[in-house]
């Protein structure tokens, strides 16, 4: 668990240093669901969010949910005029459901 916290602190530290827009796409993954938010750190405000708990996403596999959440968060961000964000994977390694979500958000037009 300590290595998870170290990883999270390292990622957030780099983000503060190299993030010119102040916008970040943060991901939280639980055992059954996945959540994504675009956050404006300057205003401490969530601008866009999507999750696998929404009613349109029932009875799908976890990877399919990650694909849908990635597409949905990118679509909502582009509708609000957000084109470029910093990807904050938190304490999670960049593989599996996290990687699938990021790849789908990129395919929909979000840059990071």
PDB file of N, CA and C in Angstrom:
ATOM      1  N   UNK A   1       0.814  -1.194   0.000  1.00  0.00           N
ATOM      2  CA  UNK A   1       0.000   0.000   0.000  1.00  0.00           C
ATOM      3  C   UNK A   1       0.863   1.265   0.000  1.00  0.00           C
ATOM      4  N   UNK A   2       1.983   1.206   0.658  1.00  0.00           N
ATOM      5  CA  UNK A   2       2.852   2.380   0.705  1.00  0.00           C
ATOM      6  C   UNK A   2       3.380   2.732  -0.679  1.00  0.00           C
ATOM      7  N   UNK A   3       3.632   1.714  -1.496  1.00  0.00           N
ATOM      8  CA  UNK A   3       4.124   1.988  -2.844  1.00  0.00           C
ATOM      9  C   UNK A   3       3.050   2.673  -3.690  1.00  0.00           C
ATOM     10  N   UNK A   4       1.775   2.349  -3.429  1.00  0.00           N
ATOM     11  CA  UNK A   4       0.681   3.018  -4.132  1.00  0.00           C
ATOM     12  C   UNK A   4       0.661   4.511  -3.824  1.00  0.00           C
ATOM     13  N   UNK A   5       0.837   4.841  -2.578  1.00  0.00           N
ATOM     14  CA  UNK A   5       0.809   6.249  -2.163  1.00  0.00           C
ATOM     15  C   UNK A   5       2.019   6.986  -2.726  1.00  0.00           C
ATOM     16  N   UNK A   6       3.180   6.336  -2.732  1.00  0.00           N
ATOM     17  CA  UNK A   6       4.376   6.948  -3.320  1.00  0.00           C
ATOM     18  C   UNK A   6       4.160   7.228  -4.801  1.00  0.00           C
ATOM     19  N   UNK A   7       3.570   6.264  -5.497  1.00  0.00           N
ATOM     20  CA  UNK A   7       3.299   6.429  -6.928  1.00  0.00           C
ATOM     21  C   UNK A   7       2.344   7.595  -7.152  1.00  0.00           C
ATOM     22  N   UNK A   8       1.305   7.674  -6.352  1.00  0.00           N
ATOM     23  CA  UNK A   8       0.323   8.750  -6.497  1.00  0.00           C
ATOM     24  C   UNK A   8       0.962  10.113  -6.257  1.00  0.00           C
ATOM     25  N   UNK A   9       1.772  10.225  -5.227  1.00  0.00           N
ATOM     26  CA  UNK A   9       2.439  11.495  -4.936  1.00  0.00           C
ATOM     27  C   UNK A   9       3.427  11.884  -6.038  1.00  0.00           C
ATOM     28  N   UNK A  10       4.126  10.908  -6.605  1.00  0.00           N
ATOM     29  CA  UNK A  10       5.073  11.173  -7.686  1.00  0.00           C
ATOM     30  C   UNK A  10       4.347  11.685  -8.925  1.00  0.00           C
ATOM     31  N   UNK A  11       3.237  11.073  -9.266  1.00  0.00           N
ATOM     32  CA  UNK A  11       2.465  11.482 -10.444  1.00  0.00           C
ATOM     33  C   UNK A  11       1.888  12.873 -10.255  1.00  0.00           C
ATOM     34  N   UNK A  12       1.310  13.141  -9.085  1.00  0.00           N
ATOM     35  CA  UNK A  12       0.716  14.457  -8.828  1.00  0.00           C
ATOM     36  C   UNK A  12       1.781  15.547  -8.801  1.00  0.00           C
ATOM     37  N   UNK A  13       2.976  15.224  -8.297  1.00  0.00           N
ATOM     38  CA  UNK A  13       4.062  16.199  -8.281  1.00  0.00           C
ATOM     39  C   UNK A  13       4.495  16.583  -9.684  1.00  0.00           C
ATOM     40  N   UNK A  14       4.616  15.587 -10.563  1.00  0.00           N
ATOM     41  CA  UNK A  14       4.974  15.869 -11.950  1.00  0.00           C
ATOM     42  C   UNK A  14       3.876  16.656 -12.638  1.00  0.00           C
ATOM     43  N   UNK A  15       2.639  16.352 -12.296  1.00  0.00           N
ATOM     44  CA  UNK A  15       1.516  17.028 -12.920  1.00  0.00           C
ATOM     45  C   UNK A  15       1.535  18.525 -12.600  1.00  0.00           C
ATOM     46  N   UNK A  16       1.806  18.857 -11.352  1.00  0.00           N
ATOM     47  CA  UNK A  16       1.853  20.268 -10.960  1.00  0.00           C
ATOM     48  C   UNK A  16       2.975  21.007 -11.691  1.00  0.00           C
ATOM     49  N   UNK A  17       4.063  20.286 -11.970  1.00  0.00           N
ATOM     50  CA  UNK A  17       5.219  20.896 -12.608  1.00  0.00           C
ATOM     51  C   UNK A  17       5.024  21.078 -14.113  1.00  0.00           C
ATOM     52  N   UNK A  18       4.417  20.096 -14.780  1.00  0.00           N
ATOM     53  CA  UNK A  18       4.366  20.088 -16.240  1.00  0.00           C
ATOM     54  C   UNK A  18       2.988  20.335 -16.831  1.00  0.00           C
ATOM     55  N   UNK A  19       2.015  20.704 -16.039  1.00  0.00           N
ATOM     56  CA  UNK A  19       0.653  20.864 -16.537  1.00  0.00           C
ATOM     57  C   UNK A  19       0.350  22.339 -16.809  1.00  0.00           C
ATOM     58  N   UNK A  20       0.469  22.802 -18.057  1.00  0.00           N
ATOM     59  CA  UNK A  20       0.249  24.218 -18.350  1.00  0.00           C
ATOM     60  C   UNK A  20      -1.221  24.634 -18.313  1.00  0.00           C
ATOM     61  N   UNK A  21      -2.142  23.727 -18.630  1.00  0.00           N
ATOM     62  CA  UNK A  21      -3.556  24.093 -18.700  1.00  0.00           C
ATOM     63  C   UNK A  21      -4.230  24.092 -17.345  1.00  0.00           C
ATOM     64  N   UNK A  22      -3.724  23.318 -16.408  1.00  0.00           N
ATOM     65  CA  UNK A  22      -4.359  23.221 -15.103  1.00  0.00           C
ATOM     66  C   UNK A  22      -5.536  22.257 -15.085  1.00  0.00           C
ATOM     67  N   UNK A  23      -5.792  21.600 -16.206  1.00  0.00           N
ATOM     68  CA  UNK A  23      -6.886  20.635 -16.285  1.00  0.00           C
ATOM     69  C   UNK A  23      -6.315  19.227 -16.248  1.00  0.00           C
ATOM     70  N   UNK A  24      -6.970  18.349 -15.488  1.00  0.00           N
ATOM     71  CA  UNK A  24      -6.499  16.974 -15.435  1.00  0.00           C
ATOM     72  C   UNK A  24      -7.664  16.009 -15.528  1.00  0.00           C
ATOM     73  N   UNK A  25      -7.410  14.903 -16.190  1.00  0.00           N
ATOM     74  CA  UNK A  25      -8.361  13.804 -16.281  1.00  0.00           C
ATOM     75  C   UNK A  25      -7.934  12.783 -15.248  1.00  0.00           C
ATOM     76  N   UNK A  26      -8.693  12.673 -14.178  1.00  0.00           N
ATOM     77  CA  UNK A  26      -8.352  11.758 -13.105  1.00  0.00           C
ATOM     78  C   UNK A  26      -9.257  10.536 -13.147  1.00  0.00           C
ATOM     79  N   UNK A  27      -8.691   9.399 -12.762  1.00  0.00           N
ATOM     80  CA  UNK A  27      -9.397   8.118 -12.861  1.00  0.00           C
ATOM     81  C   UNK A  27      -9.403   7.447 -11.499  1.00  0.00           C
ATOM     82  N   UNK A  28     -10.553   6.891 -11.140  1.00  0.00           N
ATOM     83  CA  UNK A  28     -10.667   6.058  -9.948  1.00  0.00           C
ATOM     84  C   UNK A  28     -11.267   4.729 -10.362  1.00  0.00           C
ATOM     85  N   UNK A  29     -10.651   3.659  -9.896  1.00  0.00           N
ATOM     86  CA  UNK A  29     -11.098   2.318 -10.263  1.00  0.00           C
ATOM     87  C   UNK A  29     -11.409   1.544  -8.990  1.00  0.00           C
ATOM     88  N   UNK A  30     -12.626   1.025  -8.912  1.00  0.00           N
ATOM     89  CA  UNK A  30     -12.974   0.122  -7.823  1.00  0.00           C
ATOM     90  C   UNK A  30     -13.027  -1.289  -8.382  1.00  0.00           C
ATOM     91  N   UNK A  31     -13.434  -2.242  -7.582  1.00  0.00           N
ATOM     92  CA  UNK A  31     -13.475  -3.619  -8.048  1.00  0.00           C
ATOM     93  C   UNK A  31     -14.508  -3.819  -9.150  1.00  0.00           C
ATOM     94  N   UNK A  32     -15.624  -3.098  -9.096  1.00  0.00           N
ATOM     95  CA  UNK A  32     -16.688  -3.290 -10.070  1.00  0.00           C
ATOM     96  C   UNK A  32     -16.858  -2.125 -11.039  1.00  0.00           C
ATOM     97  N   UNK A  33     -16.502  -0.924 -10.641  1.00  0.00           N
ATOM     98  CA  UNK A  33     -16.802   0.271 -11.435  1.00  0.00           C
ATOM     99  C   UNK A  33     -15.552   1.082 -11.723  1.00  0.00           C
ATOM    100  N   UNK A  34     -15.709   2.039 -12.631  1.00  0.00           N
ATOM    101  CA  UNK A  34     -14.616   2.955 -12.970  1.00  0.00           C
ATOM    102  C   UNK A  34     -15.203   4.349 -13.151  1.00  0.00           C
ATOM    103  N   UNK A  35     -14.487   5.349 -12.689  1.00  0.00           N
ATOM    104  CA  UNK A  35     -14.952   6.728 -12.698  1.00  0.00           C
ATOM    105  C   UNK A  35     -13.880   7.608 -13.333  1.00  0.00           C
ATOM    106  N   UNK A  36     -14.294   8.639 -14.058  1.00  0.00           N
ATOM    107  CA  UNK A  36     -13.349   9.580 -14.659  1.00  0.00           C
ATOM    108  C   UNK A  36     -13.903  10.992 -14.512  1.00  0.00           C
ATOM    109  N   UNK A  37     -13.021  11.934 -14.190  1.00  0.00           N
ATOM    110  CA  UNK A  37     -13.418  13.338 -14.033  1.00  0.00           C
ATOM    111  C   UNK A  37     -12.370  14.230 -14.666  1.00  0.00           C
ATOM    112  N   UNK A  38     -12.825  15.331 -15.246  1.00  0.00           N
ATOM    113  CA  UNK A  38     -11.919  16.387 -15.681  1.00  0.00           C
ATOM    114  C   UNK A  38     -12.036  17.493 -14.635  1.00  0.00           C
ATOM    115  N   UNK A  39     -10.907  17.795 -13.990  1.00  0.00           N
ATOM    116  CA  UNK A  39     -10.882  18.729 -12.868  1.00  0.00           C
ATOM    117  C   UNK A  39     -10.031  19.933 -13.219  1.00  0.00           C
ATOM    118  N   UNK A  40     -10.509  21.127 -12.885  1.00  0.00           N
ATOM    119  CA  UNK A  40      -9.741  22.359 -13.026  1.00  0.00           C
ATOM    120  C   UNK A  40      -9.089  22.635 -11.675  1.00  0.00           C
ATOM    121  N   UNK A  41      -7.781  22.454 -11.596  1.00  0.00           N
ATOM    122  CA  UNK A  41      -7.075  22.618 -10.323  1.00  0.00           C
ATOM    123  C   UNK A  41      -7.008  24.068  -9.867  1.00  0.00           C
ATOM    124  N   UNK A  42      -7.054  25.011 -10.791  1.00  0.00           N
ATOM    125  CA  UNK A  42      -6.996  26.426 -10.414  1.00  0.00           C
ATOM    126  C   UNK A  42      -8.253  26.838  -9.647  1.00  0.00           C
ATOM    127  N   UNK A  43      -9.390  26.304 -10.060  1.00  0.00           N
ATOM    128  CA  UNK A  43     -10.670  26.646  -9.425  1.00  0.00           C
ATOM    129  C   UNK A  43     -11.151  25.579  -8.443  1.00  0.00           C
ATOM    130  N   UNK A  44     -10.433  24.453  -8.366  1.00  0.00           N
ATOM    131  CA  UNK A  44     -10.850  23.321  -7.538  1.00  0.00           C
ATOM    132  C   UNK A  44     -12.281  22.913  -7.852  1.00  0.00           C
ATOM    133  N   UNK A  45     -12.526  22.660  -9.136  1.00  0.00           N
ATOM    134  CA  UNK A  45     -13.882  22.395  -9.596  1.00  0.00           C
ATOM    135  C   UNK A  45     -13.876  21.256 -10.609  1.00  0.00           C
ATOM    136  N   UNK A  46     -14.856  20.360 -10.498  1.00  0.00           N
ATOM    137  CA  UNK A  46     -15.034  19.301 -11.478  1.00  0.00           C
ATOM    138  C   UNK A  46     -15.830  19.852 -12.646  1.00  0.00           C
ATOM    139  N   UNK A  47     -15.274  19.760 -13.842  1.00  0.00           N
ATOM    140  CA  UNK A  47     -15.930  20.298 -15.031  1.00  0.00           C
ATOM    141  C   UNK A  47     -16.764  19.246 -15.749  1.00  0.00           C
ATOM    142  N   UNK A  48     -16.235  18.025 -15.835  1.00  0.00           N
ATOM    143  CA  UNK A  48     -16.899  16.940 -16.565  1.00  0.00           C
ATOM    144  C   UNK A  48     -16.672  15.653 -15.791  1.00  0.00           C
ATOM    145  N   UNK A  49     -17.676  14.790 -15.778  1.00  0.00           N
ATOM    146  CA  UNK A  49     -17.483  13.486 -15.150  1.00  0.00           C
ATOM    147  C   UNK A  49     -18.262  12.419 -15.897  1.00  0.00           C
ATOM    148  N   UNK A  50     -17.802  11.190 -15.752  1.00  0.00           N
ATOM    149  CA  UNK A  50     -18.494  10.030 -16.313  1.00  0.00           C
ATOM    150  C   UNK A  50     -18.134   8.833 -15.448  1.00  0.00           C
ATOM    151  N   UNK A  51     -19.064   7.909 -15.328  1.00  0.00           N
ATOM    152  CA  UNK A  51     -18.794   6.719 -14.537  1.00  0.00           C
ATOM    153  C   UNK A  51     -19.585   5.538 -15.061  1.00  0.00           C
ATOM    154  N   UNK A  52     -19.179   4.363 -14.627  1.00  0.00           N
ATOM    155  CA  UNK A  52     -19.870   3.155 -15.051  1.00  0.00           C
ATOM    156  C   UNK A  52     -21.120   2.890 -14.228  1.00  0.00           C
ATOM    157  N   UNK A  53     -21.429   3.766 -13.299  1.00  0.00           N
ATOM    158  CA  UNK A  53     -22.621   3.614 -12.468  1.00  0.00           C
ATOM    159  C   UNK A  53     -23.855   4.212 -13.154  1.00  0.00           C
ATOM    160  N   UNK A  54     -23.635   4.993 -14.199  1.00  0.00           N
ATOM    161  CA  UNK A  54     -24.749   5.633 -14.897  1.00  0.00           C
ATOM    162  C   UNK A  54     -25.706   4.594 -15.469  1.00  0.00           C
ATOM    163  N   UNK A  55     -26.959   4.955 -15.593  1.00  0.00           N
ATOM    164  CA  UNK A  55     -28.009   4.006 -15.965  1.00  0.00           C
ATOM    165  C   UNK A  55     -27.816   3.381 -17.341  1.00  0.00           C
ATOM    166  N   UNK A  56     -27.171   4.057 -18.254  1.00  0.00           N
ATOM    167  CA  UNK A  56     -27.004   3.547 -19.613  1.00  0.00           C
ATOM    168  C   UNK A  56     -26.020   2.379 -19.679  1.00  0.00           C
ATOM    169  N   UNK A  57     -25.300   2.107 -18.591  1.00  0.00           N
ATOM    170  CA  UNK A  57     -24.239   1.100 -18.619  1.00  0.00           C
ATOM    171  C   UNK A  57     -24.541  -0.052 -17.667  1.00  0.00           C
ATOM    172  N   UNK A  58     -25.544  -0.817 -17.966  1.00  0.00           N
ATOM    173  CA  UNK A  58     -25.885  -1.954 -17.124  1.00  0.00           C
ATOM    174  C   UNK A  58     -25.418  -3.254 -17.743  1.00  0.00           C
ATOM    175  N   UNK A  59     -24.989  -4.159 -16.893  1.00  0.00           N
ATOM    176  CA  UNK A  59     -24.677  -5.546 -17.245  1.00  0.00           C
ATOM    177  C   UNK A  59     -23.679  -5.682 -18.402  1.00  0.00           C
ATOM    178  N   UNK A  60     -22.566  -5.007 -18.252  1.00  0.00           N
ATOM    179  CA  UNK A  60     -21.472  -5.150 -19.216  1.00  0.00           C
ATOM    180  C   UNK A  60     -20.240  -5.611 -18.463  1.00  0.00           C
ATOM    181  N   UNK A  61     -19.274  -6.116 -19.197  1.00  0.00           N
ATOM    182  CA  UNK A  61     -18.022  -6.526 -18.579  1.00  0.00           C
ATOM    183  C   UNK A  61     -17.212  -5.292 -18.202  1.00  0.00           C
ATOM    184  N   UNK A  62     -16.243  -5.477 -17.308  1.00  0.00           N
ATOM    185  CA  UNK A  62     -15.470  -4.346 -16.803  1.00  0.00           C
ATOM    186  C   UNK A  62     -14.690  -3.631 -17.903  1.00  0.00           C
ATOM    187  N   UNK A  63     -14.111  -4.357 -18.831  1.00  0.00           N
ATOM    188  CA  UNK A  63     -13.365  -3.723 -19.936  1.00  0.00           C
ATOM    189  C   UNK A  63     -14.305  -2.925 -20.828  1.00  0.00           C
ATOM    190  N   UNK A  64     -15.487  -3.458 -21.092  1.00  0.00           N
ATOM    191  CA  UNK A  64     -16.468  -2.732 -21.907  1.00  0.00           C
ATOM    192  C   UNK A  64     -16.913  -1.461 -21.207  1.00  0.00           C
ATOM    193  N   UNK A  65     -17.050  -1.514 -19.879  1.00  0.00           N
ATOM    194  CA  UNK A  65     -17.408  -0.319 -19.116  1.00  0.00           C
ATOM    195  C   UNK A  65     -16.320   0.739 -19.220  1.00  0.00           C
ATOM    196  N   UNK A  66     -15.059   0.313 -19.184  1.00  0.00           N
ATOM    197  CA  UNK A  66     -13.948   1.256 -19.301  1.00  0.00           C
ATOM    198  C   UNK A  66     -13.948   1.936 -20.663  1.00  0.00           C
ATOM    199  N   UNK A  67     -14.259   1.191 -21.709  1.00  0.00           N
ATOM    200  CA  UNK A  67     -14.340   1.753 -23.058  1.00  0.00           C
ATOM    201  C   UNK A  67     -15.443   2.812 -23.110  1.00  0.00           C
ATOM    202  N   UNK A  68     -16.599   2.478 -22.579  1.00  0.00           N
ATOM    203  CA  UNK A  68     -17.734   3.408 -22.610  1.00  0.00           C
ATOM    204  C   UNK A  68     -17.466   4.664 -21.798  1.00  0.00           C
ATOM    205  N   UNK A  69     -16.867   4.513 -20.625  1.00  0.00           N
ATOM    206  CA  UNK A  69     -16.566   5.678 -19.780  1.00  0.00           C
ATOM    207  C   UNK A  69     -15.528   6.563 -20.457  1.00  0.00           C
ATOM    208  N   UNK A  70     -14.522   5.975 -21.086  1.00  0.00           N
ATOM    209  CA  UNK A  70     -13.515   6.756 -21.809  1.00  0.00           C
ATOM    210  C   UNK A  70     -14.118   7.571 -22.936  1.00  0.00           C
ATOM    211  N   UNK A  71     -14.988   6.941 -23.709  1.00  0.00           N
ATOM    212  CA  UNK A  71     -15.658   7.653 -24.802  1.00  0.00           C
ATOM    213  C   UNK A  71     -16.562   8.755 -24.271  1.00  0.00           C
ATOM    214  N   UNK A  72     -17.295   8.452 -23.205  1.00  0.00           N
ATOM    215  CA  UNK A  72     -18.263   9.402 -22.663  1.00  0.00           C
ATOM    216  C   UNK A  72     -17.587  10.630 -22.056  1.00  0.00           C
ATOM    217  N   UNK A  73     -16.503  10.427 -21.302  1.00  0.00           N
ATOM    218  CA  UNK A  73     -15.826  11.573 -20.691  1.00  0.00           C
ATOM    219  C   UNK A  73     -15.179  12.445 -21.758  1.00  0.00           C
ATOM    220  N   UNK A  74     -14.641  11.841 -22.812  1.00  0.00           N
ATOM    221  CA  UNK A  74     -14.045  12.622 -23.901  1.00  0.00           C
ATOM    222  C   UNK A  74     -15.114  13.411 -24.651  1.00  0.00           C
ATOM    223  N   UNK A  75     -16.235  12.787 -24.909  1.00  0.00           N
ATOM    224  CA  UNK A  75     -17.326  13.457 -25.607  1.00  0.00           C
ATOM    225  C   UNK A  75     -17.838  14.654 -24.813  1.00  0.00           C
ATOM    226  N   UNK A  76     -18.029  14.459 -23.516  1.00  0.00           N
ATOM    227  CA  UNK A  76     -18.523  15.550 -22.664  1.00  0.00           C
ATOM    228  C   UNK A  76     -17.502  16.671 -22.543  1.00  0.00           C
ATOM    229  N   UNK A  77     -16.213  16.319 -22.486  1.00  0.00           N
ATOM    230  CA  UNK A  77     -15.167  17.344 -22.393  1.00  0.00           C
ATOM    231  C   UNK A  77     -15.101  18.163 -23.676  1.00  0.00           C
ATOM    232  N   UNK A  78     -15.183  17.506 -24.820  1.00  0.00           N
ATOM    233  CA  UNK A  78     -15.141  18.232 -26.091  1.00  0.00           C
ATOM    234  C   UNK A  78     -16.360  19.127 -26.272  1.00  0.00           C
ATOM    235  N   UNK A  79     -17.517  18.713 -25.758  1.00  0.00           N
ATOM    236  CA  UNK A  79     -18.711  19.556 -25.814  1.00  0.00           C
ATOM    237  C   UNK A  79     -18.530  20.842 -25.006  1.00  0.00           C
ATOM    238  N   UNK A  80     -17.752  20.774 -23.927  1.00  0.00           N
ATOM    239  CA  UNK A  80     -17.483  21.953 -23.103  1.00  0.00           C
ATOM    240  C   UNK A  80     -16.282  22.754 -23.590  1.00  0.00           C
ATOM    241  N   UNK A  81     -15.661  22.298 -24.681  1.00  0.00           N
ATOM    242  CA  UNK A  81     -14.530  23.027 -25.244  1.00  0.00           C
ATOM    243  C   UNK A  81     -13.193  22.646 -24.650  1.00  0.00           C
ATOM    244  N   UNK A  82     -13.123  21.558 -23.929  1.00  0.00           N
ATOM    245  CA  UNK A  82     -11.873  21.091 -23.338  1.00  0.00           C
ATOM    246  C   UNK A  82     -11.234  20.109 -24.323  1.00  0.00           C
ATOM    247  N   UNK A  83     -10.046  20.470 -24.808  1.00  0.00           N
ATOM    248  CA  UNK A  83      -9.385  19.640 -25.808  1.00  0.00           C
ATOM    249  C   UNK A  83      -8.123  18.977 -25.285  1.00  0.00           C
ATOM    250  N   UNK A  84      -7.489  19.587 -24.282  1.00  0.00           N
ATOM    251  CA  UNK A  84      -6.215  19.070 -23.797  1.00  0.00           C
ATOM    252  C   UNK A  84      -6.219  19.006 -22.276  1.00  0.00           C
ATOM    253  N   UNK A  85      -5.834  17.847 -21.742  1.00  0.00           N
ATOM    254  CA  UNK A  85      -5.785  17.637 -20.296  1.00  0.00           C
ATOM    255  C   UNK A  85      -4.516  16.858 -19.951  1.00  0.00           C
ATOM    256  N   UNK A  86      -4.224  16.794 -18.683  1.00  0.00           N
ATOM    257  CA  UNK A  86      -3.139  15.963 -18.169  1.00  0.00           C
ATOM    258  C   UNK A  86      -3.773  14.712 -17.584  1.00  0.00           C
ATOM    259  N   UNK A  87      -3.280  13.533 -17.931  1.00  0.00           N
ATOM    260  CA  UNK A  87      -3.868  12.277 -17.467  1.00  0.00           C
ATOM    261  C   UNK A  87      -3.299  11.920 -16.106  1.00  0.00           C
ATOM    262  N   UNK A  88      -4.159  11.876 -15.096  1.00  0.00           N
ATOM    263  CA  UNK A  88      -3.779  11.543 -13.731  1.00  0.00           C
ATOM    264  C   UNK A  88      -4.318  10.150 -13.425  1.00  0.00           C
ATOM    265  N   UNK A  89      -3.437   9.157 -13.481  1.00  0.00           N
ATOM    266  CA  UNK A  89      -3.866   7.785 -13.244  1.00  0.00           C
ATOM    267  C   UNK A  89      -3.883   7.443 -11.766  1.00  0.00           C
ATOM    268  N   UNK A  90      -3.481   8.394 -10.934  1.00  0.00           N
ATOM    269  CA  UNK A  90      -3.517   8.183  -9.495  1.00  0.00           C
ATOM    270  C   UNK A  90      -2.530   7.118  -9.060  1.00  0.00           C
ATOM    271  N   UNK A  91      -2.995   6.201  -8.260  1.00  0.00           N
ATOM    272  CA  UNK A  91      -2.113   5.156  -7.728  1.00  0.00           C
ATOM    273  C   UNK A  91      -2.102   3.894  -8.573  1.00  0.00           C
ATOM    274  N   UNK A  92      -2.784   3.920  -9.703  1.00  0.00           N
ATOM    275  CA  UNK A  92      -2.927   2.731 -10.525  1.00  0.00           C
ATOM    276  C   UNK A  92      -1.844   2.658 -11.590  1.00  0.00           C
ATOM    277  N   UNK A  93      -1.421   1.444 -11.903  1.00  0.00           N
ATOM    278  CA  UNK A  93      -0.472   1.256 -12.987  1.00  0.00           C
ATOM    279  C   UNK A  93      -1.183   1.492 -14.312  1.00  0.00           C
ATOM    280  N   UNK A  94      -0.435   1.896 -15.316  1.00  0.00           N
ATOM    281  CA  UNK A  94      -1.009   2.183 -16.629  1.00  0.00           C
ATOM    282  C   UNK A  94      -1.121   0.886 -17.425  1.00  0.00           C
ATOM    283  N   UNK A  95      -2.128   0.104 -17.108  1.00  0.00           N
ATOM    284  CA  UNK A  95      -2.424  -1.113 -17.850  1.00  0.00           C
ATOM    285  C   UNK A  95      -3.862  -1.512 -17.551  1.00  0.00           C
ATOM    286  N   UNK A  96      -4.364  -2.461 -18.291  1.00  0.00           N
ATOM    287  CA  UNK A  96      -5.707  -2.957 -18.035  1.00  0.00           C
ATOM    288  C   UNK A  96      -6.786  -1.922 -18.297  1.00  0.00           C
ATOM    289  N   UNK A  97      -7.696  -1.792 -17.342  1.00  0.00           N
ATOM    290  CA  UNK A  97      -8.845  -0.902 -17.518  1.00  0.00           C
ATOM    291  C   UNK A  97      -8.446   0.570 -17.597  1.00  0.00           C
ATOM    292  N   UNK A  98      -7.386   0.952 -16.894  1.00  0.00           N
ATOM    293  CA  UNK A  98      -6.921   2.346 -16.929  1.00  0.00           C
ATOM    294  C   UNK A  98      -6.412   2.684 -18.330  1.00  0.00           C
ATOM    295  N   UNK A  99      -5.633   1.781 -18.905  1.00  0.00           N
ATOM    296  CA  UNK A  99      -5.085   1.999 -20.246  1.00  0.00           C
ATOM    297  C   UNK A  99      -6.189   2.029 -21.295  1.00  0.00           C
ATOM    298  N   UNK A 100      -7.174   1.158 -21.171  1.00  0.00           N
ATOM    299  CA  UNK A 100      -8.283   1.116 -22.116  1.00  0.00           C
ATOM    300  C   UNK A 100      -9.076   2.417 -22.066  1.00  0.00           C
ATOM    301  N   UNK A 101      -9.335   2.923 -20.869  1.00  0.00           N
ATOM    302  CA  UNK A 101     -10.056   4.191 -20.721  1.00  0.00           C
ATOM    303  C   UNK A 101      -9.278   5.327 -21.383  1.00  0.00           C
ATOM    304  N   UNK A 102      -7.973   5.386 -21.142  1.00  0.00           N
ATOM    305  CA  UNK A 102      -7.148   6.453 -21.714  1.00  0.00           C
ATOM    306  C   UNK A 102      -7.105   6.363 -23.238  1.00  0.00           C
ATOM    307  N   UNK A 103      -6.949   5.160 -23.769  1.00  0.00           N
ATOM    308  CA  UNK A 103      -6.888   4.979 -25.222  1.00  0.00           C
ATOM    309  C   UNK A 103      -8.205   5.390 -25.891  1.00  0.00           C
ATOM    310  N   UNK A 104      -9.322   5.043 -25.284  1.00  0.00           N
ATOM    311  CA  UNK A 104     -10.621   5.414 -25.864  1.00  0.00           C
ATOM    312  C   UNK A 104     -10.857   6.917 -25.797  1.00  0.00           C
ATOM    313  N   UNK A 105     -10.405   7.553 -24.726  1.00  0.00           N
ATOM    314  CA  UNK A 105     -10.537   9.011 -24.628  1.00  0.00           C
ATOM    315  C   UNK A 105      -9.686   9.691 -25.708  1.00  0.00           C
ATOM    316  N   UNK A 106      -8.508   9.143 -25.980  1.00  0.00           N
ATOM    317  CA  UNK A 106      -7.664   9.692 -27.055  1.00  0.00           C
ATOM    318  C   UNK A 106      -8.302   9.514 -28.420  1.00  0.00           C
ATOM    319  N   UNK A 107      -8.893   8.347 -28.653  1.00  0.00           N
ATOM    320  CA  UNK A 107      -9.529   8.090 -29.948  1.00  0.00           C
ATOM    321  C   UNK A 107     -10.693   9.024 -30.195  1.00  0.00           C
ATOM    322  N   UNK A 108     -11.357   9.445 -29.147  1.00  0.00           N
ATOM    323  CA  UNK A 108     -12.507  10.364 -29.283  1.00  0.00           C
ATOM    324  C   UNK A 108     -12.058  11.811 -29.489  1.00  0.00           C
ATOM    325  N   UNK A 109     -10.755  12.094 -29.348  1.00  0.00           N
ATOM    326  CA  UNK A 109     -10.260  13.433 -29.660  1.00  0.00           C
ATOM    327  C   UNK A 109      -9.659  14.201 -28.508  1.00  0.00           C
ATOM    328  N   UNK A 110      -9.632  13.636 -27.325  1.00  0.00           N
ATOM    329  CA  UNK A 110      -9.047  14.315 -26.176  1.00  0.00           C
ATOM    330  C   UNK A 110      -7.530  14.131 -26.221  1.00  0.00           C
ATOM    331  N   UNK A 111      -6.770  15.207 -26.022  1.00  0.00           N
ATOM    332  CA  UNK A 111      -5.305  15.132 -26.083  1.00  0.00           C
ATOM    333  C   UNK A 111      -4.725  15.179 -24.683  1.00  0.00           C
ATOM    334  N   UNK A 112      -3.755  14.262 -24.446  1.00  0.00           N
ATOM    335  CA  UNK A 112      -2.975  14.295 -23.204  1.00  0.00           C
ATOM    336  C   UNK A 112      -1.703  13.517 -23.382  1.00  0.00           C
TER     337      UNK A 112
END
